[in-house]
Amino acid sequence: MKIAWFKKVITPELGTLIAGYTAGDVSVAKLDDLMVTGLCLDDGRSKSLLVSLDLLALDGWYIRSLREKCARRGTVSRPSGPSAGGLAAKQLIAGWEKWFREPKKNYGGRHV
């Protein structure tokens, strides 16, 4: 079994447009670096890659591009299982509602 791990800083420059608060808002400070982290597992027969991005979202064109590249490299078995689409959306909405209700900390005039 071969295992590889990586972590890389992907923090953009200050002044970069950000999403999640208001349209057109830009970053004015950095609390923590944004990271991309990955783990590759190779048992000699197949390889698996797990990637985590500290991002709010990815553009649809980027996700489609990743899927196409992965499909060209190999196939994935998807056995039957329960759908989590509706449940995941409900949990995401509940998490956001809880976050908006909780008091926020103030960092340099910015509430987070």
N, C-alpha and C. Protein backbone atom coordinates (compact mmCIF):
# COMPACT_ATOMS: atom_id res chain seq x y z
N MET A 1 0.85 -1.18 0.00
CA MET A 1 0.00 0.00 0.00
C MET A 1 0.89 1.23 0.00
N LYS A 2 0.63 2.13 -0.93
CA LYS A 2 1.32 3.42 -0.99
C LYS A 2 0.33 4.50 -0.57
N ILE A 3 0.82 5.43 0.23
CA ILE A 3 -0.02 6.52 0.71
C ILE A 3 0.74 7.83 0.51
N ALA A 4 0.08 8.80 -0.09
CA ALA A 4 0.67 10.13 -0.27
C ALA A 4 -0.31 11.17 0.27
N TRP A 5 0.23 12.21 0.86
CA TRP A 5 -0.59 13.26 1.47
C TRP A 5 0.00 14.61 1.07
N PHE A 6 -0.86 15.60 0.84
CA PHE A 6 -0.36 16.94 0.54
C PHE A 6 -1.26 17.99 1.16
N LYS A 7 -0.67 19.16 1.37
CA LYS A 7 -1.39 20.31 1.89
C LYS A 7 -0.74 21.54 1.29
N LYS A 8 -1.55 22.45 0.74
CA LYS A 8 -1.02 23.64 0.09
C LYS A 8 -1.89 24.84 0.42
N VAL A 9 -1.25 25.96 0.67
CA VAL A 9 -1.95 27.22 0.93
C VAL A 9 -2.52 27.74 -0.39
N ILE A 10 -3.82 28.08 -0.39
CA ILE A 10 -4.47 28.64 -1.59
C ILE A 10 -5.12 29.99 -1.28
N THR A 11 -4.65 30.66 -0.23
CA THR A 11 -5.23 31.95 0.18
C THR A 11 -5.01 33.00 -0.91
N PRO A 12 -6.08 33.64 -1.39
CA PRO A 12 -5.92 34.69 -2.40
C PRO A 12 -5.42 35.99 -1.76
N GLU A 13 -5.01 36.91 -2.61
CA GLU A 13 -4.55 38.22 -2.15
C GLU A 13 -5.69 38.99 -1.48
N LEU A 14 -5.36 39.89 -0.54
CA LEU A 14 -6.37 40.77 0.03
C LEU A 14 -6.97 41.61 -1.09
N GLY A 15 -8.25 41.91 -0.97
CA GLY A 15 -8.96 42.65 -2.00
C GLY A 15 -9.68 41.76 -2.99
N THR A 16 -9.56 40.44 -2.80
CA THR A 16 -10.25 39.48 -3.67
C THR A 16 -11.74 39.48 -3.36
N LEU A 17 -12.57 39.45 -4.40
CA LEU A 17 -14.01 39.34 -4.19
C LEU A 17 -14.32 38.08 -3.40
N ILE A 18 -15.23 38.20 -2.43
CA ILE A 18 -15.63 37.05 -1.63
C ILE A 18 -17.14 36.85 -1.75
N ALA A 19 -17.56 35.66 -1.42
CA ALA A 19 -18.98 35.31 -1.49
C ALA A 19 -19.47 34.99 -0.09
N GLY A 20 -20.77 34.99 0.08
CA GLY A 20 -21.34 34.55 1.35
C GLY A 20 -21.91 35.67 2.20
N TYR A 21 -21.43 36.88 2.08
CA TYR A 21 -21.94 37.98 2.90
C TYR A 21 -22.79 38.92 2.05
N THR A 22 -22.14 39.71 1.23
CA THR A 22 -22.86 40.61 0.33
C THR A 22 -22.18 40.60 -1.03
N ALA A 23 -22.95 40.83 -2.06
CA ALA A 23 -22.38 40.86 -3.41
C ALA A 23 -21.38 42.00 -3.52
N GLY A 24 -20.24 41.72 -4.08
CA GLY A 24 -19.23 42.75 -4.28
C GLY A 24 -18.33 43.00 -3.10
N ASP A 25 -18.49 42.28 -1.99
CA ASP A 25 -17.63 42.44 -0.82
C ASP A 25 -16.24 41.90 -1.16
N VAL A 26 -15.21 42.51 -0.59
CA VAL A 26 -13.84 42.04 -0.83
C VAL A 26 -13.17 41.72 0.50
N SER A 27 -12.16 40.87 0.44
CA SER A 27 -11.42 40.51 1.65
C SER A 27 -10.57 41.71 2.08
N VAL A 28 -10.59 41.99 3.39
CA VAL A 28 -9.83 43.12 3.94
C VAL A 28 -8.81 42.68 4.97
N ALA A 29 -8.90 41.42 5.40
CA ALA A 29 -7.97 40.87 6.38
C ALA A 29 -7.94 39.36 6.23
N LYS A 30 -6.93 38.75 6.86
CA LYS A 30 -6.82 37.29 6.82
C LYS A 30 -6.75 36.77 8.25
N LEU A 31 -7.69 35.90 8.61
CA LEU A 31 -7.66 35.27 9.92
C LEU A 31 -6.84 33.98 9.87
N ASP A 32 -7.06 33.18 8.86
CA ASP A 32 -6.36 31.92 8.67
C ASP A 32 -6.13 31.71 7.18
N ASP A 33 -5.11 30.93 6.84
CA ASP A 33 -4.89 30.58 5.45
C ASP A 33 -5.96 29.61 4.97
N LEU A 34 -6.32 29.71 3.70
CA LEU A 34 -7.19 28.73 3.05
C LEU A 34 -6.28 27.64 2.50
N MET A 35 -6.72 26.39 2.62
CA MET A 35 -5.87 25.26 2.25
C MET A 35 -6.58 24.33 1.28
N VAL A 36 -5.78 23.60 0.51
CA VAL A 36 -6.24 22.43 -0.22
C VAL A 36 -5.44 21.27 0.37
N THR A 37 -6.13 20.22 0.76
CA THR A 37 -5.50 19.06 1.37
C THR A 37 -5.93 17.82 0.60
N GLY A 38 -5.01 16.90 0.41
CA GLY A 38 -5.35 15.69 -0.34
C GLY A 38 -4.68 14.46 0.22
N LEU A 39 -5.30 13.33 -0.05
CA LEU A 39 -4.79 12.03 0.37
C LEU A 39 -4.95 11.07 -0.81
N CYS A 40 -3.86 10.41 -1.21
CA CYS A 40 -3.90 9.44 -2.30
C CYS A 40 -3.55 8.07 -1.74
N LEU A 41 -4.38 7.08 -2.05
CA LEU A 41 -4.16 5.70 -1.61
C LEU A 41 -3.99 4.83 -2.84
N ASP A 42 -2.95 3.98 -2.84
CA ASP A 42 -2.67 3.09 -3.98
C ASP A 42 -2.36 1.71 -3.42
N ASP A 43 -3.25 0.74 -3.71
CA ASP A 43 -3.02 -0.63 -3.23
C ASP A 43 -2.40 -1.52 -4.31
N GLY A 44 -1.95 -0.92 -5.41
CA GLY A 44 -1.36 -1.68 -6.49
C GLY A 44 -2.37 -2.08 -7.56
N ARG A 45 -3.64 -2.07 -7.21
CA ARG A 45 -4.70 -2.39 -8.17
C ARG A 45 -5.51 -1.16 -8.54
N SER A 46 -5.72 -0.30 -7.57
CA SER A 46 -6.51 0.91 -7.82
C SER A 46 -5.98 2.05 -6.97
N LYS A 47 -6.29 3.26 -7.42
CA LYS A 47 -5.89 4.46 -6.69
C LYS A 47 -7.14 5.25 -6.31
N SER A 48 -7.09 5.87 -5.15
CA SER A 48 -8.18 6.74 -4.70
C SER A 48 -7.57 8.06 -4.26
N LEU A 49 -8.25 9.14 -4.60
CA LEU A 49 -7.80 10.47 -4.23
C LEU A 49 -8.93 11.20 -3.53
N LEU A 50 -8.66 11.69 -2.33
CA LEU A 50 -9.61 12.51 -1.57
C LEU A 50 -9.02 13.91 -1.50
N VAL A 51 -9.83 14.91 -1.82
CA VAL A 51 -9.35 16.29 -1.81
C VAL A 51 -10.33 17.14 -1.01
N SER A 52 -9.79 17.99 -0.14
CA SER A 52 -10.60 18.92 0.65
C SER A 52 -10.13 20.33 0.33
N LEU A 53 -11.08 21.21 0.00
CA LEU A 53 -10.79 22.60 -0.32
C LEU A 53 -11.47 23.52 0.69
N ASP A 54 -10.74 24.48 1.24
CA ASP A 54 -11.33 25.47 2.14
C ASP A 54 -11.99 26.57 1.31
N LEU A 55 -13.04 26.21 0.60
CA LEU A 55 -13.75 27.15 -0.26
C LEU A 55 -15.24 27.05 0.00
N LEU A 56 -15.95 28.13 -0.29
CA LEU A 56 -17.40 28.13 -0.14
C LEU A 56 -18.05 27.29 -1.23
N ALA A 57 -17.52 27.37 -2.44
CA ALA A 57 -18.10 26.63 -3.57
C ALA A 57 -17.10 26.59 -4.71
N LEU A 58 -17.38 25.74 -5.69
CA LEU A 58 -16.62 25.69 -6.94
C LEU A 58 -17.58 25.96 -8.09
N ASP A 59 -17.09 26.63 -9.11
CA ASP A 59 -17.92 26.89 -10.29
C ASP A 59 -18.27 25.58 -10.98
N GLY A 60 -19.46 25.55 -11.59
CA GLY A 60 -19.93 24.36 -12.28
C GLY A 60 -18.99 23.90 -13.38
N TRP A 61 -18.40 24.85 -14.14
CA TRP A 61 -17.49 24.47 -15.23
C TRP A 61 -16.27 23.75 -14.67
N TYR A 62 -15.81 24.16 -13.47
CA TYR A 62 -14.62 23.53 -12.87
C TYR A 62 -14.95 22.11 -12.41
N ILE A 63 -16.11 21.93 -11.81
CA ILE A 63 -16.54 20.59 -11.37
C ILE A 63 -16.69 19.67 -12.57
N ARG A 64 -17.31 20.16 -13.65
CA ARG A 64 -17.45 19.34 -14.87
C ARG A 64 -16.09 18.95 -15.42
N SER A 65 -15.15 19.89 -15.42
CA SER A 65 -13.80 19.61 -15.91
C SER A 65 -13.12 18.52 -15.07
N LEU A 66 -13.26 18.60 -13.75
CA LEU A 66 -12.68 17.57 -12.87
C LEU A 66 -13.31 16.21 -13.14
N ARG A 67 -14.62 16.18 -13.29
CA ARG A 67 -15.31 14.91 -13.55
C ARG A 67 -14.84 14.30 -14.86
N GLU A 68 -14.69 15.12 -15.90
CA GLU A 68 -14.24 14.61 -17.20
C GLU A 68 -12.82 14.05 -17.09
N LYS A 69 -11.94 14.75 -16.39
CA LYS A 69 -10.56 14.27 -16.23
C LYS A 69 -10.52 12.96 -15.45
N CYS A 70 -11.33 12.87 -14.39
CA CYS A 70 -11.38 11.63 -13.60
C CYS A 70 -11.95 10.48 -14.43
N ALA A 71 -12.96 10.76 -15.25
CA ALA A 71 -13.57 9.71 -16.07
C ALA A 71 -12.58 9.17 -17.09
N ARG A 72 -11.71 10.04 -17.63
CA ARG A 72 -10.71 9.59 -18.59
C ARG A 72 -9.65 8.72 -17.92
N ARG A 73 -9.40 8.93 -16.63
CA ARG A 73 -8.35 8.19 -15.91
C ARG A 73 -8.83 6.84 -15.40
N GLY A 74 -10.10 6.67 -15.20
CA GLY A 74 -10.60 5.40 -14.67
C GLY A 74 -12.08 5.46 -14.39
N THR A 75 -12.60 4.39 -13.83
CA THR A 75 -14.02 4.32 -13.52
C THR A 75 -14.21 4.13 -12.03
N VAL A 76 -15.40 4.41 -11.58
CA VAL A 76 -15.75 4.28 -10.17
C VAL A 76 -16.99 3.41 -10.06
N SER A 77 -16.97 2.47 -9.13
CA SER A 77 -18.14 1.65 -8.87
C SER A 77 -19.05 2.39 -7.92
N ARG A 78 -20.33 2.50 -8.27
CA ARG A 78 -21.30 3.18 -7.40
C ARG A 78 -22.42 2.21 -7.06
N PRO A 79 -22.29 1.46 -5.98
CA PRO A 79 -23.38 0.56 -5.59
C PRO A 79 -24.61 1.35 -5.17
N SER A 80 -25.75 0.70 -5.15
CA SER A 80 -26.99 1.36 -4.74
C SER A 80 -26.92 1.78 -3.29
N GLY A 81 -27.62 2.83 -2.96
CA GLY A 81 -27.67 3.31 -1.59
C GLY A 81 -28.71 4.41 -1.47
N PRO A 82 -28.99 4.83 -0.26
CA PRO A 82 -30.00 5.87 -0.06
C PRO A 82 -29.52 7.21 -0.60
N SER A 83 -30.45 7.99 -1.09
CA SER A 83 -30.14 9.33 -1.57
C SER A 83 -30.03 10.28 -0.39
N ALA A 84 -28.97 11.07 -0.37
CA ALA A 84 -28.78 12.03 0.72
C ALA A 84 -29.04 13.45 0.25
N GLY A 85 -29.46 13.64 -1.01
CA GLY A 85 -29.65 14.98 -1.55
C GLY A 85 -30.55 15.85 -0.70
N GLY A 86 -31.77 15.39 -0.44
CA GLY A 86 -32.70 16.18 0.35
C GLY A 86 -32.23 16.36 1.78
N LEU A 87 -31.70 15.28 2.36
CA LEU A 87 -31.21 15.33 3.74
C LEU A 87 -30.03 16.28 3.85
N ALA A 88 -29.09 16.19 2.90
CA ALA A 88 -27.92 17.06 2.94
C ALA A 88 -28.34 18.53 2.84
N ALA A 89 -29.29 18.83 1.97
CA ALA A 89 -29.76 20.21 1.82
C ALA A 89 -30.41 20.70 3.12
N LYS A 90 -31.23 19.86 3.74
CA LYS A 90 -31.88 20.24 5.00
C LYS A 90 -30.85 20.48 6.09
N GLN A 91 -29.81 19.61 6.17
CA GLN A 91 -28.78 19.78 7.19
C GLN A 91 -27.97 21.05 6.93
N LEU A 92 -27.68 21.34 5.66
CA LEU A 92 -26.95 22.55 5.32
C LEU A 92 -27.74 23.79 5.71
N ILE A 93 -29.02 23.82 5.38
CA ILE A 93 -29.87 24.96 5.72
C ILE A 93 -29.98 25.11 7.24
N ALA A 94 -30.15 24.00 7.95
CA ALA A 94 -30.24 24.06 9.42
C ALA A 94 -28.94 24.60 10.01
N GLY A 95 -27.81 24.19 9.45
CA GLY A 95 -26.51 24.69 9.93
C GLY A 95 -26.36 26.18 9.72
N TRP A 96 -26.76 26.66 8.54
CA TRP A 96 -26.70 28.10 8.27
C TRP A 96 -27.63 28.88 9.18
N GLU A 97 -28.85 28.37 9.39
CA GLU A 97 -29.80 29.06 10.27
C GLU A 97 -29.24 29.16 11.69
N LYS A 98 -28.62 28.09 12.17
CA LYS A 98 -28.01 28.10 13.51
C LYS A 98 -26.88 29.12 13.55
N TRP A 99 -26.05 29.14 12.50
CA TRP A 99 -24.92 30.07 12.46
C TRP A 99 -25.40 31.51 12.50
N PHE A 100 -26.48 31.83 11.77
CA PHE A 100 -26.99 33.20 11.74
C PHE A 100 -27.61 33.61 13.08
N ARG A 101 -28.13 32.65 13.85
CA ARG A 101 -28.74 32.96 15.15
C ARG A 101 -27.69 33.18 16.24
N GLU A 102 -26.53 32.53 16.13
CA GLU A 102 -25.51 32.61 17.18
C GLU A 102 -24.79 33.96 17.14
N PRO A 103 -24.36 34.46 18.33
CA PRO A 103 -23.59 35.70 18.34
C PRO A 103 -22.25 35.48 17.62
N LYS A 104 -21.78 36.52 16.93
CA LYS A 104 -20.54 36.43 16.17
C LYS A 104 -19.43 37.17 16.89
N LYS A 105 -18.18 36.74 16.64
CA LYS A 105 -17.01 37.44 17.16
C LYS A 105 -16.66 38.57 16.21
N ASN A 106 -16.10 39.64 16.76
CA ASN A 106 -15.71 40.78 15.95
C ASN A 106 -14.19 40.79 15.81
N TYR A 107 -13.70 40.72 14.57
CA TYR A 107 -12.27 40.77 14.29
C TYR A 107 -11.99 42.01 13.44
N GLY A 108 -11.43 43.03 14.05
CA GLY A 108 -11.04 44.22 13.31
C GLY A 108 -12.18 44.89 12.57
N GLY A 109 -13.35 44.96 13.19
CA GLY A 109 -14.49 45.61 12.56
C GLY A 109 -15.31 44.69 11.67
N ARG A 110 -14.84 43.46 11.47
CA ARG A 110 -15.56 42.49 10.63
C ARG A 110 -16.13 41.42 11.54
N HIS A 111 -17.40 41.15 11.42
CA HIS A 111 -18.04 40.10 12.21
C HIS A 111 -17.91 38.77 11.50
N VAL A 112 -17.41 37.78 12.21
CA VAL A 112 -17.29 36.43 11.64
C VAL A 112 -17.80 35.41 12.62
